[in-house]
Amino acid sequence: MAAAQQSDAARAATPVAYDDLPPRYHRWKWQILISFCAFYLFVYTGRFNFWPTSPLIKDDLLLTNIEIGVINAMLLWGFMLGDLVHGRMSEAYGLRLWVTLGAVLTTVFNWGASFGTSALTFAIPWGLAGFVNAACWSPAISMISQWWPRRERGIAMGILGTVTGGAMLLMWWLSSWVAAEWGWRAAFRYPPLMIAALGIAFYFLTRDRPRDADLPEYIEEDAISAEPESVSEEELKGFGPYKLLLTNSRFQLACHVKGLENVARYGLTTWVPLYYFEAGGLDITQTVLITFLLPLGYLIAPPAAGFISDKLLGSRRRPLVLSSCFLSAAALVVIAIAPPSNAWLGAALMLWGGISMGVSLISTISVDLSGRKMAGTGAGVLDAHGYLYAGAQALIFSVLLDMAGSPWPIVFLVMAATRLISAAMISRVRV
């Protein structure tokens, strides 16, 4: 028995070509991906549930646009700080453990926010919810990279991208429905309970790495990901991964492209409900129905983008990111000039915007450039840039709207400009 166990351990310690991996490996890789997707489908009910309920919260707590912006920034910048920490910590202490801790604590701080009676008493637990919720992302991205090589990672991340779109869709419907039926506080108490329950289930259904399931690791055959995987263990100690990634010019450009992408992505989800509700004069039901199509677009596009990248473009990501930049910029310009009272046109624009943003593979680029050894740190650092910029847009646009008499077209034109800047930047990253 002992000899057999030693033999299994020896086989698991010896990397093999991806095409030579046993069938059990491929069953496990799908179990890892599907388990995370099932869990992540509910994660947004504890992260972005403020957005569809913000008109109700604004009226109940008598908040200004600037206070709405501050609350959004607290969540987004809390998530940013979490991104900087959780990816690296999970690589040291356990990927699935960190995801589960993030899930449970997200539920706890959502409950805390539900008892808020002012901008301050809501914003503090909401910012903490963002910080702990970040543990649900980069550790799991690292886990996926352990099981999926670059040649198939676009498909895996594309499937996950669909789930993030589905998560936004589910959150938008569930949070809105719960808030409409039982008040906005209920939307922060009951849907997030699913996050904790599924986070615990995720822990028991997954393993951090193939060797934890007595399986061999794959040999990374793609030069782009193989290069960062060749770094020594000495270079990976302490803050080593941060130093390696932040001195990589391609990775740095990708980080800022992600940041500018989030100005548009989260700018839309932050301000579009208020835009159609206030400027368009639509009621809350019409507003929810129109903005519901934005996450629907996020759901449709990613798997097609992942398939095109891996199967038709040899795992190149840049063409899809460039397409996303130009298509979304066009959508934002039309939103800026179209009348917000036209509900049908607004719905079409939301779907167009969601699809065009959804084809971007910028998150996959971060993992490609980090390799398995630094995937958690890389995913966290790139995502931190995204939330830094996302929080900045929440504050900047809120001040612009309050101080300049609600110039909504300027807000959307600025978002369009960021997409064109992103296109110029990503053209310099050969991935």
Protein backbone atom coordinates (compact mmCIF):
# COMPACT_ATOMS: atom_id res chain seq x y z
CA MET A 1 0.00 0.00 0.00
CA ALA A 2 2.76 2.43 0.95
CA ALA A 3 4.66 1.60 -2.22
CA ALA A 4 1.54 2.24 -4.33
CA GLN A 5 1.01 5.61 -2.64
CA GLN A 6 4.63 6.56 -3.28
CA SER A 7 4.21 5.55 -6.93
CA ASP A 8 1.09 7.74 -7.29
CA ALA A 9 2.91 10.64 -5.67
CA ALA A 10 5.88 10.20 -7.99
CA ARG A 11 3.64 10.21 -11.06
CA ALA A 12 1.83 13.30 -9.81
CA ALA A 13 5.15 15.09 -9.31
CA THR A 14 6.28 14.49 -12.90
CA PRO A 15 4.81 16.94 -15.45
CA VAL A 16 3.64 15.46 -18.73
CA ALA A 17 2.56 16.80 -22.12
CA TYR A 18 -1.01 18.05 -22.05
CA ASP A 19 -2.10 15.58 -24.75
CA ASP A 20 -0.80 12.69 -22.61
CA LEU A 21 -2.75 13.53 -19.45
CA PRO A 22 -5.08 10.75 -18.22
CA PRO A 23 -8.88 11.00 -18.66
CA ARG A 24 -9.33 11.58 -14.93
CA TYR A 25 -7.37 14.80 -15.26
CA HIS A 26 -9.82 16.15 -17.81
CA ARG A 27 -12.79 15.19 -15.64
CA TRP A 28 -11.20 17.13 -12.78
CA LYS A 29 -10.43 20.21 -14.87
CA TRP A 30 -14.10 20.42 -15.86
CA GLN A 31 -15.19 19.82 -12.28
CA ILE A 32 -13.01 22.71 -11.15
CA LEU A 33 -14.39 25.06 -13.82
CA ILE A 34 -18.04 24.06 -13.44
CA SER A 35 -17.89 24.21 -9.63
CA PHE A 36 -16.49 27.73 -9.73
CA CYS A 37 -19.00 28.81 -12.37
CA ALA A 38 -21.92 27.51 -10.28
CA PHE A 39 -20.60 29.36 -7.25
CA TYR A 40 -19.76 32.56 -9.09
CA LEU A 41 -23.22 32.79 -10.60
CA PHE A 42 -24.43 34.10 -7.23
CA VAL A 43 -21.40 36.16 -6.19
CA TYR A 44 -22.69 39.43 -7.68
CA THR A 45 -25.74 39.33 -5.38
CA GLY A 46 -23.29 40.42 -2.70
CA ARG A 47 -21.07 42.73 -4.75
CA PHE A 48 -23.13 44.72 -7.26
CA ASN A 49 -26.57 44.57 -5.67
CA PHE A 50 -26.28 48.29 -4.87
CA TRP A 51 -26.62 49.23 -8.54
CA PRO A 52 -30.19 48.13 -9.35
CA THR A 53 -31.39 49.12 -5.88
CA SER A 54 -29.64 52.51 -5.83
CA PRO A 55 -32.72 54.55 -6.84
CA LEU A 56 -34.62 53.10 -3.86
CA ILE A 57 -31.69 53.58 -1.47
CA LYS A 58 -31.14 57.13 -2.72
CA ASP A 59 -34.76 58.03 -1.98
CA ASP A 60 -34.89 56.25 1.39
CA LEU A 61 -31.61 57.62 2.79
CA LEU A 62 -31.91 60.99 1.00
CA LEU A 63 -28.55 60.62 -0.75
CA THR A 64 -26.98 62.96 -3.30
CA ASN A 65 -25.29 61.84 -6.53
CA ILE A 66 -21.95 62.49 -4.87
CA GLU A 67 -22.86 60.21 -1.94
CA ILE A 68 -23.97 57.55 -4.43
CA GLY A 69 -20.56 57.93 -6.08
CA VAL A 70 -18.74 57.64 -2.75
CA ILE A 71 -20.65 54.47 -1.83
CA ASN A 72 -19.80 52.97 -5.22
CA ALA A 73 -16.16 53.95 -4.81
CA MET A 74 -16.02 52.33 -1.36
CA LEU A 75 -17.12 49.01 -2.83
CA LEU A 76 -14.89 49.24 -5.88
CA TRP A 77 -11.80 50.44 -4.04
CA GLY A 78 -12.39 47.91 -1.27
CA PHE A 79 -12.35 45.26 -3.98
CA MET A 80 -9.19 46.82 -5.42
CA LEU A 81 -7.35 46.53 -2.11
CA GLY A 82 -8.58 42.97 -1.74
CA ASP A 83 -7.29 42.12 -5.20
CA LEU A 84 -3.82 43.30 -4.25
CA VAL A 85 -3.81 41.02 -1.21
CA HIS A 86 -5.90 37.92 -1.84
CA GLY A 87 -4.24 36.61 -5.00
CA ARG A 88 -0.81 36.45 -3.38
CA MET A 89 -2.09 35.26 0.00
CA SER A 90 -4.08 32.45 -1.59
CA GLU A 91 -0.98 31.23 -3.44
CA ALA A 92 0.71 30.90 -0.07
CA TYR A 93 -2.14 29.57 2.09
CA GLY A 94 -4.60 27.81 -0.22
CA LEU A 95 -6.66 28.83 -3.22
CA ARG A 96 -9.98 27.15 -2.40
CA LEU A 97 -9.70 28.09 1.28
CA TRP A 98 -9.40 31.75 0.35
CA VAL A 99 -12.42 31.58 -1.97
CA THR A 100 -14.54 30.06 0.80
CA LEU A 101 -13.46 32.67 3.35
CA GLY A 102 -14.32 35.42 0.90
CA ALA A 103 -17.76 33.91 0.29
CA VAL A 104 -18.69 33.67 3.96
CA LEU A 105 -17.41 37.15 4.85
CA THR A 106 -19.18 38.69 1.83
CA THR A 107 -22.47 37.51 3.29
CA VAL A 108 -21.56 38.88 6.73
CA PHE A 109 -20.74 42.39 5.49
CA ASN A 110 -23.78 42.53 3.19
CA TRP A 111 -25.90 42.01 6.28
CA GLY A 112 -23.95 44.79 7.96
CA ALA A 113 -24.67 47.18 5.09
CA SER A 114 -28.38 46.32 5.20
CA PHE A 115 -28.66 48.08 8.59
CA GLY A 116 -27.22 51.36 7.26
CA THR A 117 -29.21 54.51 7.96
CA SER A 118 -26.96 57.08 6.28
CA ALA A 119 -24.30 57.32 3.60
CA LEU A 120 -21.57 56.69 6.19
CA THR A 121 -23.15 53.74 8.01
CA PHE A 122 -23.90 52.08 4.69
CA ALA A 123 -20.58 52.84 2.98
CA ILE A 124 -18.27 51.40 5.68
CA PRO A 125 -19.59 47.81 5.71
CA TRP A 126 -20.13 48.07 1.96
CA GLY A 127 -16.45 48.87 1.43
CA LEU A 128 -15.50 45.91 3.63
CA ALA A 129 -17.83 43.70 1.60
CA GLY A 130 -15.86 44.71 -1.49
CA PHE A 131 -12.54 43.89 0.19
CA VAL A 132 -13.53 40.36 1.23
CA ASN A 133 -15.46 39.66 -1.96
CA ALA A 134 -12.24 40.06 -3.95
CA ALA A 135 -11.10 36.75 -2.42
CA CYS A 136 -13.72 35.05 -4.59
CA TRP A 137 -11.96 36.00 -7.84
CA SER A 138 -8.17 35.92 -8.22
CA PRO A 139 -7.58 32.74 -6.16
CA ALA A 140 -10.07 30.89 -8.35
CA ILE A 141 -8.50 32.30 -11.54
CA SER A 142 -5.20 30.91 -10.30
CA MET A 143 -6.88 27.55 -9.72
CA ILE A 144 -8.25 27.49 -13.28
CA SER A 145 -4.78 28.25 -14.64
CA GLN A 146 -3.37 25.23 -12.77
CA TRP A 147 -5.70 22.94 -14.72
CA TRP A 148 -6.11 24.74 -18.08
CA PRO A 149 -3.04 25.53 -20.26
CA ARG A 150 -2.89 28.61 -22.48
CA ARG A 151 -4.01 26.67 -25.57
CA GLU A 152 -7.45 26.09 -23.95
CA ARG A 153 -7.55 28.91 -21.42
CA GLY A 154 -9.44 31.25 -23.71
CA ILE A 155 -12.33 28.76 -23.84
CA ALA A 156 -12.26 28.26 -20.06
CA MET A 157 -12.20 31.99 -19.39
CA GLY A 158 -14.83 32.54 -22.07
CA ILE A 159 -17.17 30.13 -20.29
CA LEU A 160 -16.42 31.94 -17.05
CA GLY A 161 -17.09 35.24 -18.81
CA THR A 162 -20.53 33.97 -19.75
CA VAL A 163 -21.13 33.08 -16.13
CA THR A 164 -20.09 36.57 -15.00
CA GLY A 165 -22.65 37.94 -17.45
CA GLY A 166 -25.19 35.48 -16.09
CA ALA A 167 -24.22 36.49 -12.57
CA MET A 168 -24.91 40.13 -13.40
CA LEU A 169 -28.20 39.17 -15.01
CA LEU A 170 -29.26 37.03 -12.05
CA MET A 171 -28.22 39.72 -9.58
CA TRP A 172 -30.07 42.42 -11.51
CA TRP A 173 -33.28 40.38 -11.57
CA LEU A 174 -33.07 38.86 -8.08
CA SER A 175 -31.94 41.98 -6.22
CA SER A 176 -34.49 44.14 -8.04
CA TRP A 177 -37.31 41.69 -7.37
CA VAL A 178 -36.45 41.24 -3.70
CA ALA A 179 -36.09 45.01 -3.25
CA ALA A 180 -39.41 45.68 -4.99
CA GLU A 181 -41.24 43.07 -2.89
CA TRP A 182 -39.63 43.47 0.53
CA GLY A 183 -37.54 46.64 0.40
CA TRP A 184 -33.92 47.32 -0.49
CA ARG A 185 -32.60 46.04 2.86
CA ALA A 186 -33.87 42.54 2.08
CA ALA A 187 -31.79 42.55 -1.12
CA PHE A 188 -28.64 42.77 1.03
CA ARG A 189 -29.72 40.05 3.46
CA TYR A 190 -31.28 37.08 1.73
CA PRO A 191 -29.77 36.58 -1.79
CA PRO A 192 -26.19 36.81 -0.37
CA LEU A 193 -26.87 33.78 1.84
CA MET A 194 -26.42 31.67 -1.30
CA ILE A 195 -22.86 32.97 -1.64
CA ALA A 196 -21.80 31.52 1.72
CA ALA A 197 -23.55 28.18 1.09
CA LEU A 198 -22.05 27.70 -2.38
CA GLY A 199 -18.62 28.90 -1.21
CA ILE A 200 -18.52 26.12 1.36
CA ALA A 201 -19.64 23.56 -1.26
CA PHE A 202 -16.90 24.83 -3.61
CA TYR A 203 -14.25 24.02 -1.00
CA PHE A 204 -15.24 20.35 -0.89
CA LEU A 205 -15.70 19.93 -4.64
CA THR A 206 -12.34 21.30 -5.81
CA ARG A 207 -8.60 20.93 -5.43
CA ASP A 208 -6.03 23.69 -5.82
CA ARG A 209 -3.71 21.82 -8.18
CA PRO A 210 -3.60 18.49 -10.03
CA ARG A 211 -1.07 17.06 -7.58
CA ASP A 212 -3.62 17.54 -4.79
CA ALA A 213 -5.77 14.98 -6.64
CA ASP A 214 -2.78 12.67 -7.28
CA LEU A 215 -2.58 13.78 -10.90
CA PRO A 216 0.40 15.03 -12.94
CA GLU A 217 0.81 18.69 -13.88
CA TYR A 218 0.69 19.67 -17.54
CA ILE A 219 3.75 20.99 -19.38
CA GLU A 220 3.05 24.50 -20.67
CA GLU A 221 3.97 24.39 -24.36
CA ASP A 222 3.09 27.98 -25.28
CA ALA A 223 6.08 30.32 -25.03
CA ILE A 224 4.07 33.29 -23.74
CA SER A 225 3.00 31.45 -20.57
CA ALA A 226 6.04 29.15 -20.37
CA GLU A 227 8.39 32.12 -19.97
CA PRO A 228 6.97 33.41 -16.64
CA GLU A 229 6.71 29.81 -15.39
CA SER A 230 10.47 29.42 -15.76
CA VAL A 231 11.25 31.80 -12.90
CA SER A 232 13.05 30.33 -9.90
CA GLU A 233 11.45 29.63 -6.52
CA GLU A 234 13.78 32.22 -5.02
CA GLU A 235 12.27 34.92 -7.23
CA LEU A 236 8.79 33.92 -6.05
CA LYS A 237 9.45 34.48 -2.37
CA GLY A 238 7.77 37.36 -0.52
CA PHE A 239 6.95 40.26 -2.82
CA GLY A 240 8.87 38.69 -5.71
CA PRO A 241 5.81 38.07 -7.94
CA TYR A 242 4.75 41.72 -7.60
CA LYS A 243 8.22 42.86 -8.64
CA LEU A 244 8.34 40.50 -11.62
CA LEU A 245 4.90 41.49 -12.90
CA LEU A 246 5.12 45.23 -12.29
CA THR A 247 8.43 45.45 -14.16
CA ASN A 248 6.91 43.67 -17.16
CA SER A 249 5.88 46.43 -19.60
CA ARG A 250 3.36 44.23 -21.43
CA PHE A 251 1.66 43.29 -18.17
CA GLN A 252 1.59 46.92 -17.06
CA LEU A 253 -0.06 48.04 -20.30
CA ALA A 254 -2.63 45.27 -19.95
CA CYS A 255 -3.37 46.45 -16.39
CA HIS A 256 -4.14 49.99 -17.53
CA VAL A 257 -6.24 48.72 -20.42
CA LYS A 258 -8.25 46.76 -17.85
CA GLY A 259 -8.59 49.92 -15.79
CA LEU A 260 -9.87 51.98 -18.70
CA GLU A 261 -12.18 49.12 -19.70
CA ASN A 262 -13.76 49.24 -16.26
CA VAL A 263 -14.42 52.96 -16.61
CA ALA A 264 -16.88 52.02 -19.34
CA ARG A 265 -18.05 48.65 -17.98
CA TYR A 266 -18.84 49.86 -14.48
CA GLY A 267 -19.61 53.37 -15.61
CA LEU A 268 -22.51 51.90 -17.57
CA THR A 269 -23.76 49.69 -14.76
CA THR A 270 -23.38 52.49 -12.18
CA TRP A 271 -25.05 55.34 -14.07
CA VAL A 272 -27.34 53.85 -16.71
CA PRO A 273 -30.15 52.99 -14.23
CA LEU A 274 -30.17 56.58 -12.91
CA TYR A 275 -29.84 57.99 -16.45
CA TYR A 276 -32.98 56.30 -17.75
CA PHE A 277 -34.80 56.78 -14.44
CA GLU A 278 -34.04 60.50 -14.08
CA ALA A 279 -33.19 61.90 -17.55
CA GLY A 280 -35.53 59.57 -19.45
CA GLY A 281 -38.40 59.84 -16.98
CA LEU A 282 -38.95 56.07 -16.98
CA ASP A 283 -40.34 54.26 -13.95
CA ILE A 284 -38.30 51.74 -11.96
CA THR A 285 -39.81 48.74 -13.79
CA GLN A 286 -38.96 50.14 -17.25
CA THR A 287 -35.50 51.09 -16.05
CA VAL A 288 -34.80 47.57 -14.77
CA LEU A 289 -36.08 45.98 -17.99
CA ILE A 290 -33.86 48.20 -20.17
CA THR A 291 -30.70 47.85 -18.09
CA PHE A 292 -31.33 44.10 -17.75
CA LEU A 293 -30.10 43.76 -21.35
CA LEU A 294 -26.63 45.09 -20.49
CA PRO A 295 -25.62 41.98 -18.49
CA LEU A 296 -27.43 39.84 -21.07
CA GLY A 297 -24.86 41.09 -23.58
CA TYR A 298 -22.07 40.19 -21.15
CA LEU A 299 -23.51 36.68 -21.06
CA ILE A 300 -23.70 36.13 -24.83
CA ALA A 301 -20.28 37.31 -26.02
CA PRO A 302 -17.46 35.70 -23.95
CA PRO A 303 -17.68 32.03 -25.02
CA ALA A 304 -17.67 33.00 -28.69
CA ALA A 305 -14.67 35.25 -28.06
CA GLY A 306 -12.83 32.47 -26.22
CA PHE A 307 -13.53 29.94 -28.99
CA ILE A 308 -12.43 32.36 -31.72
CA SER A 309 -9.23 33.17 -29.82
CA ASP A 310 -8.19 29.58 -29.07
CA LYS A 311 -9.42 27.77 -32.19
CA LEU A 312 -9.20 30.38 -34.96
CA LEU A 313 -6.52 32.82 -33.81
CA GLY A 314 -3.99 30.47 -32.20
CA SER A 315 -4.80 31.76 -28.67
CA ARG A 316 -4.11 35.36 -29.65
CA ARG A 317 -6.18 37.73 -27.46
CA ARG A 318 -5.35 41.18 -28.84
CA PRO A 319 -7.71 41.12 -31.87
CA LEU A 320 -10.71 40.46 -29.62
CA VAL A 321 -9.74 43.24 -27.21
CA LEU A 322 -9.37 45.68 -30.09
CA SER A 323 -12.78 44.68 -31.47
CA SER A 324 -14.29 45.26 -28.04
CA CYS A 325 -12.75 48.74 -27.84
CA PHE A 326 -14.08 49.98 -31.17
CA LEU A 327 -17.55 48.42 -30.93
CA SER A 328 -18.17 49.62 -27.38
CA ALA A 329 -16.92 53.14 -28.20
CA ALA A 330 -19.49 53.33 -30.99
CA ALA A 331 -22.25 52.13 -28.66
CA LEU A 332 -21.37 54.75 -26.06
CA VAL A 333 -21.44 57.56 -28.61
CA VAL A 334 -24.94 56.53 -29.70
CA ILE A 335 -26.10 56.34 -26.06
CA ALA A 336 -24.81 59.89 -25.58
CA ILE A 337 -26.77 61.35 -28.48
CA ALA A 338 -29.93 59.18 -28.42
CA PRO A 339 -33.01 60.38 -26.46
CA PRO A 340 -33.17 58.52 -23.10
CA SER A 341 -36.98 58.52 -23.23
CA ASN A 342 -36.91 56.00 -26.11
CA ALA A 343 -37.13 52.74 -24.16
CA TRP A 344 -36.80 50.43 -27.19
CA LEU A 345 -33.70 52.18 -28.48
CA GLY A 346 -32.23 52.20 -24.97
CA ALA A 347 -32.77 48.45 -24.69
CA ALA A 348 -31.03 47.82 -28.02
CA LEU A 349 -28.09 50.00 -26.99
CA MET A 350 -27.72 48.16 -23.69
CA LEU A 351 -27.55 44.83 -25.52
CA TRP A 352 -25.05 46.24 -28.03
CA GLY A 353 -22.94 47.69 -25.21
CA GLY A 354 -22.98 44.45 -23.25
CA ILE A 355 -21.96 42.30 -26.21
CA SER A 356 -19.20 44.68 -27.30
CA MET A 357 -17.73 44.83 -23.79
CA GLY A 358 -18.12 41.07 -23.37
CA VAL A 359 -15.82 40.07 -26.23
CA SER A 360 -12.78 41.51 -24.46
CA LEU A 361 -10.29 38.89 -23.23
CA ILE A 362 -8.15 41.23 -21.16
CA SER A 363 -8.45 39.12 -17.98
CA THR A 364 -7.18 36.08 -19.87
CA ILE A 365 -4.16 38.10 -20.97
CA SER A 366 -3.14 38.66 -17.34
CA VAL A 367 -3.05 34.92 -16.67
CA ASP A 368 -1.18 34.25 -19.92
CA LEU A 369 1.51 36.75 -18.95
CA SER A 370 1.73 35.55 -15.33
CA GLY A 371 1.87 31.78 -15.81
CA ARG A 372 0.66 29.27 -13.22
CA LYS A 373 3.14 30.25 -10.53
CA MET A 374 1.96 33.87 -10.38
CA ALA A 375 -1.57 33.58 -11.79
CA GLY A 376 -3.30 34.58 -8.55
CA THR A 377 -1.05 37.59 -8.05
CA GLY A 378 -1.34 38.56 -11.72
CA ALA A 379 -5.13 38.26 -11.82
CA GLY A 380 -5.34 40.27 -8.61
CA VAL A 381 -3.01 43.06 -9.72
CA LEU A 382 -4.75 43.44 -13.09
CA ASP A 383 -8.18 43.39 -11.47
CA ALA A 384 -6.99 45.92 -8.87
CA HIS A 385 -6.22 48.36 -11.68
CA GLY A 386 -9.71 47.72 -13.00
CA TYR A 387 -11.35 48.60 -9.71
CA LEU A 388 -9.06 51.56 -9.09
CA TYR A 389 -10.30 53.11 -12.32
CA ALA A 390 -13.88 51.95 -11.70
CA GLY A 391 -13.94 53.68 -8.31
CA ALA A 392 -12.44 56.82 -9.84
CA GLN A 393 -15.18 57.01 -12.47
CA ALA A 394 -17.83 56.67 -9.77
CA LEU A 395 -16.46 59.73 -7.97
CA ILE A 396 -15.54 61.83 -11.02
CA PHE A 397 -18.83 61.30 -12.81
CA SER A 398 -20.84 61.89 -9.63
CA VAL A 399 -19.13 65.26 -9.12
CA LEU A 400 -19.63 66.13 -12.79
CA LEU A 401 -23.33 65.25 -12.61
CA ASP A 402 -23.98 67.17 -9.40
CA MET A 403 -21.83 70.23 -10.08
CA ALA A 404 -22.52 70.76 -13.79
CA GLY A 405 -26.27 70.18 -13.96
CA SER A 406 -26.37 66.50 -15.01
CA PRO A 407 -24.51 66.64 -18.37
CA TRP A 408 -25.26 63.00 -19.18
CA PRO A 409 -23.99 63.04 -22.82
CA ILE A 410 -20.53 64.18 -21.65
CA VAL A 411 -20.37 61.24 -19.23
CA PHE A 412 -20.94 58.69 -21.99
CA LEU A 413 -18.64 60.46 -24.46
CA VAL A 414 -15.83 60.36 -21.88
CA MET A 415 -16.42 56.62 -21.53
CA ALA A 416 -16.21 56.26 -25.32
CA ALA A 417 -12.89 58.13 -25.32
CA THR A 418 -11.44 55.70 -22.77
CA ARG A 419 -12.24 52.81 -25.11
CA LEU A 420 -10.30 54.44 -27.95
CA ILE A 421 -7.35 55.09 -25.62
CA SER A 422 -7.50 51.41 -24.62
CA ALA A 423 -7.31 50.39 -28.27
CA ALA A 424 -4.15 52.45 -28.75
CA MET A 425 -2.57 50.90 -25.67
CA ILE A 426 -3.44 47.23 -26.31
CA SER A 427 -2.07 47.52 -29.85
CA ARG A 428 1.37 47.58 -28.21
CA VAL A 429 0.82 44.31 -26.31
CA ARG A 430 1.59 41.29 -28.49
CA VAL A 431 -0.52 38.49 -27.00
